[in-house]
Amino acid sequence: MFGFGTTELIIVAVIVLLLFGSRLPSAMGNLGKSIVEFKKGVKGAEDEASADSETRETTQS
């Protein structure tokens, strides 16, 4: 699509590391925590939906 080769990607990665290198570890840590919280929220919503469907099944029977 953009025609980036391996050399161009390496150059961009080096520039990003030079500009944001000191902030990357904390940013990646925060990203990891966000993903974990998102997964917990999705699992909680799934659990709630399954509990709701079980309640409906028992009241209809």
PDB file of N, CA and C in Angstrom:
ATOM      1  N   MET A   1       0.830  -1.192   0.000  1.00  0.00           N
ATOM      2  CA  MET A   1       0.000   0.000   0.000  1.00  0.00           C
ATOM      3  C   MET A   1       0.871   1.252   0.000  1.00  0.00           C
ATOM      4  N   PHE A   2       1.747   1.371   0.987  1.00  0.00           N
ATOM      5  CA  PHE A   2       2.615   2.537   1.051  1.00  0.00           C
ATOM      6  C   PHE A   2       3.986   2.247   0.471  1.00  0.00           C
ATOM      7  N   GLY A   3       4.304   0.988   0.284  1.00  0.00           N
ATOM      8  CA  GLY A   3       5.578   0.626  -0.303  1.00  0.00           C
ATOM      9  C   GLY A   3       6.749   0.741   0.651  1.00  0.00           C
ATOM     10  N   PHE A   4       6.494   0.592   1.965  1.00  0.00           N
ATOM     11  CA  PHE A   4       7.593   0.630   2.926  1.00  0.00           C
ATOM     12  C   PHE A   4       8.354  -0.677   2.874  1.00  0.00           C
ATOM     13  N   GLY A   5       9.659  -0.573   2.777  1.00  0.00           N
ATOM     14  CA  GLY A   5      10.500  -1.758   2.819  1.00  0.00           C
ATOM     15  C   GLY A   5      11.080  -1.952   4.201  1.00  0.00           C
ATOM     16  N   THR A   6      11.895  -2.953   4.345  1.00  0.00           N
ATOM     17  CA  THR A   6      12.507  -3.255   5.639  1.00  0.00           C
ATOM     18  C   THR A   6      13.401  -2.112   6.108  1.00  0.00           C
ATOM     19  N   THR A   7      14.165  -1.546   5.206  1.00  0.00           N
ATOM     20  CA  THR A   7      15.083  -0.466   5.571  1.00  0.00           C
ATOM     21  C   THR A   7      14.318   0.752   6.079  1.00  0.00           C
ATOM     22  N   GLU A   8      13.256   1.110   5.407  1.00  0.00           N
ATOM     23  CA  GLU A   8      12.468   2.267   5.836  1.00  0.00           C
ATOM     24  C   GLU A   8      11.840   2.043   7.204  1.00  0.00           C
ATOM     25  N   LEU A   9      11.342   0.822   7.436  1.00  0.00           N
ATOM     26  CA  LEU A   9      10.735   0.514   8.732  1.00  0.00           C
ATOM     27  C   LEU A   9      11.765   0.573   9.859  1.00  0.00           C
ATOM     28  N   ILE A  10      12.977   0.101   9.592  1.00  0.00           N
ATOM     29  CA  ILE A  10      14.039   0.169  10.601  1.00  0.00           C
ATOM     30  C   ILE A  10      14.399   1.620  10.906  1.00  0.00           C
ATOM     31  N   ILE A  11      14.484   2.441   9.890  1.00  0.00           N
ATOM     32  CA  ILE A  11      14.795   3.861  10.093  1.00  0.00           C
ATOM     33  C   ILE A  11      13.708   4.531  10.917  1.00  0.00           C
ATOM     34  N   VAL A  12      12.447   4.257  10.622  1.00  0.00           N
ATOM     35  CA  VAL A  12      11.337   4.830  11.382  1.00  0.00           C
ATOM     36  C   VAL A  12      11.377   4.339  12.828  1.00  0.00           C
ATOM     37  N   ALA A  13      11.667   3.057  13.042  1.00  0.00           N
ATOM     38  CA  ALA A  13      11.746   2.509  14.394  1.00  0.00           C
ATOM     39  C   ALA A  13      12.858   3.178  15.192  1.00  0.00           C
ATOM     40  N   VAL A  14      13.999   3.412  14.581  1.00  0.00           N
ATOM     41  CA  VAL A  14      15.114   4.075  15.269  1.00  0.00           C
ATOM     42  C   VAL A  14      14.729   5.501  15.635  1.00  0.00           C
ATOM     43  N   ILE A  15      14.078   6.213  14.737  1.00  0.00           N
ATOM     44  CA  ILE A  15      13.652   7.587  15.026  1.00  0.00           C
ATOM     45  C   ILE A  15      12.648   7.611  16.171  1.00  0.00           C
ATOM     46  N   VAL A  16      11.695   6.686  16.156  1.00  0.00           N
ATOM     47  CA  VAL A  16      10.704   6.610  17.234  1.00  0.00           C
ATOM     48  C   VAL A  16      11.391   6.314  18.561  1.00  0.00           C
ATOM     49  N   LEU A  17      12.345   5.399  18.565  1.00  0.00           N
ATOM     50  CA  LEU A  17      13.070   5.079  19.798  1.00  0.00           C
ATOM     51  C   LEU A  17      13.867   6.279  20.307  1.00  0.00           C
ATOM     52  N   LEU A  18      14.464   7.034  19.407  1.00  0.00           N
ATOM     53  CA  LEU A  18      15.220   8.213  19.831  1.00  0.00           C
ATOM     54  C   LEU A  18      14.305   9.284  20.411  1.00  0.00           C
ATOM     55  N   LEU A  19      13.142   9.458  19.816  1.00  0.00           N
ATOM     56  CA  LEU A  19      12.229  10.501  20.280  1.00  0.00           C
ATOM     57  C   LEU A  19      11.472  10.115  21.540  1.00  0.00           C
ATOM     58  N   PHE A  20      11.015   8.875  21.613  1.00  0.00           N
ATOM     59  CA  PHE A  20      10.129   8.461  22.701  1.00  0.00           C
ATOM     60  C   PHE A  20      10.720   7.355  23.576  1.00  0.00           C
ATOM     61  N   GLY A  21      11.998   7.068  23.471  1.00  0.00           N
ATOM     62  CA  GLY A  21      12.625   5.956  24.166  1.00  0.00           C
ATOM     63  C   GLY A  21      12.425   5.955  25.663  1.00  0.00           C
ATOM     64  N   SER A  22      12.507   7.107  26.296  1.00  0.00           N
ATOM     65  CA  SER A  22      12.387   7.146  27.753  1.00  0.00           C
ATOM     66  C   SER A  22      10.954   6.942  28.214  1.00  0.00           C
ATOM     67  N   ARG A  23       9.987   7.216  27.359  1.00  0.00           N
ATOM     68  CA  ARG A  23       8.573   7.082  27.733  1.00  0.00           C
ATOM     69  C   ARG A  23       7.958   5.753  27.305  1.00  0.00           C
ATOM     70  N   LEU A  24       8.641   4.992  26.478  1.00  0.00           N
ATOM     71  CA  LEU A  24       8.064   3.748  25.964  1.00  0.00           C
ATOM     72  C   LEU A  24       7.789   2.706  27.044  1.00  0.00           C
ATOM     73  N   PRO A  25       8.676   2.456  27.999  1.00  0.00           N
ATOM     74  CA  PRO A  25       8.365   1.430  29.008  1.00  0.00           C
ATOM     75  C   PRO A  25       7.102   1.742  29.808  1.00  0.00           C
ATOM     76  N   SER A  26       6.935   2.984  30.207  1.00  0.00           N
ATOM     77  CA  SER A  26       5.732   3.323  30.971  1.00  0.00           C
ATOM     78  C   SER A  26       4.486   3.280  30.081  1.00  0.00           C
ATOM     79  N   ALA A  27       4.620   3.666  28.837  1.00  0.00           N
ATOM     80  CA  ALA A  27       3.482   3.616  27.918  1.00  0.00           C
ATOM     81  C   ALA A  27       3.061   2.169  27.656  1.00  0.00           C
ATOM     82  N   MET A  28       4.032   1.286  27.482  1.00  0.00           N
ATOM     83  CA  MET A  28       3.710  -0.124  27.242  1.00  0.00           C
ATOM     84  C   MET A  28       3.115  -0.763  28.494  1.00  0.00           C
ATOM     85  N   GLY A  29       3.599  -0.366  29.672  1.00  0.00           N
ATOM     86  CA  GLY A  29       3.015  -0.874  30.918  1.00  0.00           C
ATOM     87  C   GLY A  29       1.568  -0.450  31.061  1.00  0.00           C
ATOM     88  N   ASN A  30       1.300   0.815  30.756  1.00  0.00           N
ATOM     89  CA  ASN A  30      -0.071   1.309  30.821  1.00  0.00           C
ATOM     90  C   ASN A  30      -0.953   0.628  29.784  1.00  0.00           C
ATOM     91  N   LEU A  31      -0.414   0.354  28.610  1.00  0.00           N
ATOM     92  CA  LEU A  31      -1.169  -0.341  27.574  1.00  0.00           C
ATOM     93  C   LEU A  31      -1.519  -1.751  28.034  1.00  0.00           C
ATOM     94  N   GLY A  32      -0.569  -2.429  28.650  1.00  0.00           N
ATOM     95  CA  GLY A  32      -0.820  -3.774  29.160  1.00  0.00           C
ATOM     96  C   GLY A  32      -1.895  -3.784  30.230  1.00  0.00           C
ATOM     97  N   LYS A  33      -1.840  -2.817  31.146  1.00  0.00           N
ATOM     98  CA  LYS A  33      -2.855  -2.717  32.197  1.00  0.00           C
ATOM     99  C   LYS A  33      -4.228  -2.441  31.596  1.00  0.00           C
ATOM    100  N   SER A  34      -4.269  -1.607  30.566  1.00  0.00           N
ATOM    101  CA  SER A  34      -5.537  -1.295  29.909  1.00  0.00           C
ATOM    102  C   SER A  34      -6.136  -2.531  29.251  1.00  0.00           C
ATOM    103  N   ILE A  35      -5.297  -3.330  28.617  1.00  0.00           N
ATOM    104  CA  ILE A  35      -5.777  -4.546  27.963  1.00  0.00           C
ATOM    105  C   ILE A  35      -6.332  -5.520  28.994  1.00  0.00           C
ATOM    106  N   VAL A  36      -5.632  -5.654  30.131  1.00  0.00           N
ATOM    107  CA  VAL A  36      -6.105  -6.551  31.186  1.00  0.00           C
ATOM    108  C   VAL A  36      -7.453  -6.087  31.716  1.00  0.00           C
ATOM    109  N   GLU A  37      -7.601  -4.781  31.955  1.00  0.00           N
ATOM    110  CA  GLU A  37      -8.870  -4.253  32.454  1.00  0.00           C
ATOM    111  C   GLU A  37      -9.988  -4.444  31.430  1.00  0.00           C
ATOM    112  N   PHE A  38      -9.670  -4.262  30.148  1.00  0.00           N
ATOM    113  CA  PHE A  38     -10.665  -4.459  29.094  1.00  0.00           C
ATOM    114  C   PHE A  38     -11.141  -5.914  29.074  1.00  0.00           C
ATOM    115  N   LYS A  39     -10.190  -6.850  29.170  1.00  0.00           N
ATOM    116  CA  LYS A  39     -10.555  -8.269  29.171  1.00  0.00           C
ATOM    117  C   LYS A  39     -11.413  -8.616  30.382  1.00  0.00           C
ATOM    118  N   LYS A  40     -11.096  -8.022  31.552  1.00  0.00           N
ATOM    119  CA  LYS A  40     -11.909  -8.256  32.746  1.00  0.00           C
ATOM    120  C   LYS A  40     -13.324  -7.728  32.528  1.00  0.00           C
ATOM    121  N   GLY A  41     -13.448  -6.567  31.903  1.00  0.00           N
ATOM    122  CA  GLY A  41     -14.763  -5.990  31.629  1.00  0.00           C
ATOM    123  C   GLY A  41     -15.570  -6.843  30.672  1.00  0.00           C
ATOM    124  N   VAL A  42     -14.929  -7.346  29.642  1.00  0.00           N
ATOM    125  CA  VAL A  42     -15.615  -8.202  28.670  1.00  0.00           C
ATOM    126  C   VAL A  42     -16.063  -9.490  29.342  1.00  0.00           C
ATOM    127  N   LYS A  43     -15.190 -10.081  30.157  1.00  0.00           N
ATOM    128  CA  LYS A  43     -15.549 -11.318  30.852  1.00  0.00           C
ATOM    129  C   LYS A  43     -16.698 -11.064  31.818  1.00  0.00           C
ATOM    130  N   GLY A  44     -16.678  -9.932  32.506  1.00  0.00           N
ATOM    131  CA  GLY A  44     -17.766  -9.591  33.420  1.00  0.00           C
ATOM    132  C   GLY A  44     -19.084  -9.430  32.685  1.00  0.00           C
ATOM    133  N   ALA A  45     -19.046  -8.804  31.514  1.00  0.00           N
ATOM    134  CA  ALA A  45     -20.262  -8.626  30.720  1.00  0.00           C
ATOM    135  C   ALA A  45     -20.775  -9.979  30.225  1.00  0.00           C
ATOM    136  N   GLU A  46     -19.859 -10.863  29.820  1.00  0.00           N
ATOM    137  CA  GLU A  46     -20.269 -12.196  29.365  1.00  0.00           C
ATOM    138  C   GLU A  46     -20.883 -12.981  30.517  1.00  0.00           C
ATOM    139  N   ASP A  47     -20.263 -12.905  31.693  1.00  0.00           N
ATOM    140  CA  ASP A  47     -20.795 -13.609  32.861  1.00  0.00           C
ATOM    141  C   ASP A  47     -22.182 -13.082  33.224  1.00  0.00           C
ATOM    142  N   GLU A  48     -22.330 -11.772  33.150  1.00  0.00           N
ATOM    143  CA  GLU A  48     -23.620 -11.164  33.472  1.00  0.00           C
ATOM    144  C   GLU A  48     -24.687 -11.587  32.470  1.00  0.00           C
ATOM    145  N   ALA A  49     -24.323 -11.639  31.197  1.00  0.00           N
ATOM    146  CA  ALA A  49     -25.277 -12.034  30.162  1.00  0.00           C
ATOM    147  C   ALA A  49     -25.671 -13.502  30.323  1.00  0.00           C
ATOM    148  N   SER A  50     -24.705 -14.359  30.643  1.00  0.00           N
ATOM    149  CA  SER A  50     -25.043 -15.767  30.809  1.00  0.00           C
ATOM    150  C   SER A  50     -25.888 -15.981  32.064  1.00  0.00           C
ATOM    151  N   ALA A  51     -25.609 -15.239  33.129  1.00  0.00           N
ATOM    152  CA  ALA A  51     -26.420 -15.349  34.344  1.00  0.00           C
ATOM    153  C   ALA A  51     -27.841 -14.861  34.078  1.00  0.00           C
ATOM    154  N   ASP A  52     -27.968 -13.805  33.272  1.00  0.00           N
ATOM    155  CA  ASP A  52     -29.284 -13.274  32.932  1.00  0.00           C
ATOM    156  C   ASP A  52     -30.072 -14.276  32.101  1.00  0.00           C
ATOM    157  N   SER A  53     -29.394 -14.936  31.152  1.00  0.00           N
ATOM    158  CA  SER A  53     -30.099 -15.918  30.321  1.00  0.00           C
ATOM    159  C   SER A  53     -30.497 -17.144  31.138  1.00  0.00           C
ATOM    160  N   GLU A  54     -29.653 -17.537  32.101  1.00  0.00           N
ATOM    161  CA  GLU A  54     -30.005 -18.662  32.975  1.00  0.00           C
ATOM    162  C   GLU A  54     -31.210 -18.311  33.833  1.00  0.00           C
ATOM    163  N   THR A  55     -31.267 -17.075  34.313  1.00  0.00           N
ATOM    164  CA  THR A  55     -32.411 -16.630  35.129  1.00  0.00           C
ATOM    165  C   THR A  55     -33.694 -16.661  34.306  1.00  0.00           C
ATOM    166  N   ARG A  56     -33.606 -16.219  33.052  1.00  0.00           N
ATOM    167  CA  ARG A  56     -34.785 -16.225  32.186  1.00  0.00           C
ATOM    168  C   ARG A  56     -35.254 -17.647  31.902  1.00  0.00           C
ATOM    169  N   GLU A  57     -34.299 -18.572  31.726  1.00  0.00           N
ATOM    170  CA  GLU A  57     -34.660 -19.959  31.450  1.00  0.00           C
ATOM    171  C   GLU A  57     -35.357 -20.591  32.641  1.00  0.00           C
ATOM    172  N   THR A  58     -34.892 -20.296  33.853  1.00  0.00           N
ATOM    173  CA  THR A  58     -35.503 -20.911  35.040  1.00  0.00           C
ATOM    174  C   THR A  58     -36.876 -20.303  35.326  1.00  0.00           C
ATOM    175  N   THR A  59     -37.085 -19.043  35.012  1.00  0.00           N
ATOM    176  CA  THR A  59     -38.387 -18.437  35.257  1.00  0.00           C
ATOM    177  C   THR A  59     -39.396 -18.853  34.191  1.00  0.00           C
ATOM    178  N   GLN A  60     -38.951 -19.186  32.998  1.00  0.00           N
ATOM    179  CA  GLN A  60     -39.854 -19.600  31.933  1.00  0.00           C
ATOM    180  C   GLN A  60     -40.244 -21.067  32.086  1.00  0.00           C
ATOM    181  N   SER A  61     -39.459 -21.866  32.747  1.00  0.00           N
ATOM    182  CA  SER A  61     -39.735 -23.306  32.882  1.00  0.00           C
ATOM    183  C   SER A  61     -40.795 -23.573  33.895  1.00  0.00           C
TER     184      SER A  61
END
